Protein backbone atom coordinates (compact mmCIF):
# COMPACT_ATOMS: atom_id res chain seq x y z
CA UNK A 1 -0.19 -0.18 -0.09
CA UNK A 2 1.04 3.49 -0.67
CA UNK A 3 0.48 4.62 2.31
CA UNK A 4 1.34 8.58 1.85
CA UNK A 5 -1.03 8.68 -1.45
CA UNK A 6 -3.61 7.02 0.63
CA UNK A 7 -3.11 9.81 3.90
CA UNK A 8 -3.03 12.36 0.75
CA UNK A 9 -6.35 11.23 -0.76
CA UNK A 10 -8.95 10.37 2.16
CA UNK A 11 -7.46 12.95 4.72
CA UNK A 12 -9.68 11.13 7.19
CA UNK A 13 -7.43 7.74 7.22
CA UNK A 14 -5.73 8.24 11.05
CA UNK A 15 -4.20 4.29 10.75
CA UNK A 16 -2.78 2.00 7.58
CA UNK A 17 -2.38 -1.55 8.26
CA UNK A 18 -0.93 -3.02 4.46
CA UNK A 19 -2.78 -6.74 5.94
CA UNK A 20 -6.40 -5.17 6.69
CA UNK A 21 -7.09 -1.32 5.24
CA UNK A 22 -7.19 1.91 5.63
CA UNK A 23 -9.24 3.72 9.42
CA UNK A 24 -10.36 6.38 10.55
CA UNK A 25 -10.35 8.20 14.54
CA UNK A 26 -13.57 6.18 15.51
CA UNK A 27 -11.72 2.17 13.99
CA UNK A 28 -14.22 2.45 11.51
CA UNK A 29 -12.51 1.17 7.65
CA UNK A 30 -12.33 3.63 5.63
CA UNK A 31 -12.68 2.27 1.65
CA UNK A 32 -10.23 3.10 -0.23
CA UNK A 33 -9.91 2.95 -4.63
CA UNK A 34 -6.88 1.67 -4.46
CA UNK A 35 -6.88 2.60 -8.88
CA UNK A 36 -6.60 6.74 -7.80
CA UNK A 37 -3.91 5.42 -5.29
CA UNK A 38 -1.79 4.30 -7.81
CA UNK A 39 -2.32 6.63 -10.09
CA UNK A 40 -1.58 9.54 -7.03
CA UNK A 41 1.79 11.35 -8.48
CA UNK A 42 3.79 12.40 -4.88
CA UNK A 43 4.09 16.91 -5.79
CA UNK A 44 7.07 16.88 -3.38
CA UNK A 45 8.69 13.82 -5.48
CA UNK A 46 10.82 16.32 -7.41
CA UNK A 47 12.81 17.01 -4.58
CA UNK A 48 14.49 13.79 -4.76
CA UNK A 49 14.82 13.36 -7.69
CA UNK A 50 17.38 16.72 -7.64
CA UNK A 51 18.48 15.16 -4.60
CA UNK A 52 19.51 11.96 -6.63
CA UNK A 53 21.22 14.06 -9.97
CA UNK A 54 23.06 17.56 -8.17
CA UNK A 55 26.31 17.16 -8.23
CA UNK A 56 28.47 15.80 -5.13
CA UNK A 57 28.95 19.17 -2.56
CA UNK A 58 32.96 18.25 -3.46
CA UNK A 59 31.78 18.22 -7.02
CA UNK A 60 29.80 21.59 -6.99
CA UNK A 61 33.56 22.85 -5.15
CA UNK A 62 34.87 21.67 -7.53
CA UNK A 63 33.73 22.76 -10.59
CA UNK A 64 32.62 27.10 -8.85
CA UNK A 65 36.68 26.71 -8.86
CA UNK A 66 37.34 25.68 -12.48
CA UNK A 67 34.70 27.22 -14.53
CA UNK A 68 33.15 29.57 -12.04
CA UNK A 69 29.55 30.70 -11.09
CA UNK A 70 28.46 30.09 -14.35
CA UNK A 71 29.40 26.65 -14.43
CA UNK A 72 28.03 25.94 -11.74
CA UNK A 73 25.18 27.57 -12.20
CA UNK A 74 23.96 26.05 -15.34
CA UNK A 75 24.50 22.37 -13.90
CA UNK A 76 23.05 23.04 -11.40
CA UNK A 77 20.04 24.52 -13.40
CA UNK A 78 20.09 21.87 -16.00
CA UNK A 79 18.40 19.86 -12.75
CA UNK A 80 16.27 21.74 -11.97
CA UNK A 81 14.65 21.77 -15.21
CA UNK A 82 14.69 18.40 -15.50
CA UNK A 83 12.63 17.90 -12.56
CA UNK A 84 10.17 20.94 -12.25
CA UNK A 85 9.12 22.04 -8.62
CA UNK A 86 5.42 20.20 -8.16
CA UNK A 87 5.80 17.56 -11.51
CA UNK A 88 5.73 14.49 -11.60
């Protein structure tokens, strides 16, 4: 189960158990639409994608030293352009 998607799509859900389902604050089972959960795209995913592709800090310092600010900025901007904010 994609817990993050369930919490985002069903704000009344307070507990999720992969074996028994999703439940509200009163302990009542909340019916989940599996296709909606599967189709949900995390609006924060770009952060993880960017972090995985940014040059390491030592590589960024090396780029600054050898290529200057413009080269460093271009390398960072290329990753930001590849993974725009708020799009999965």
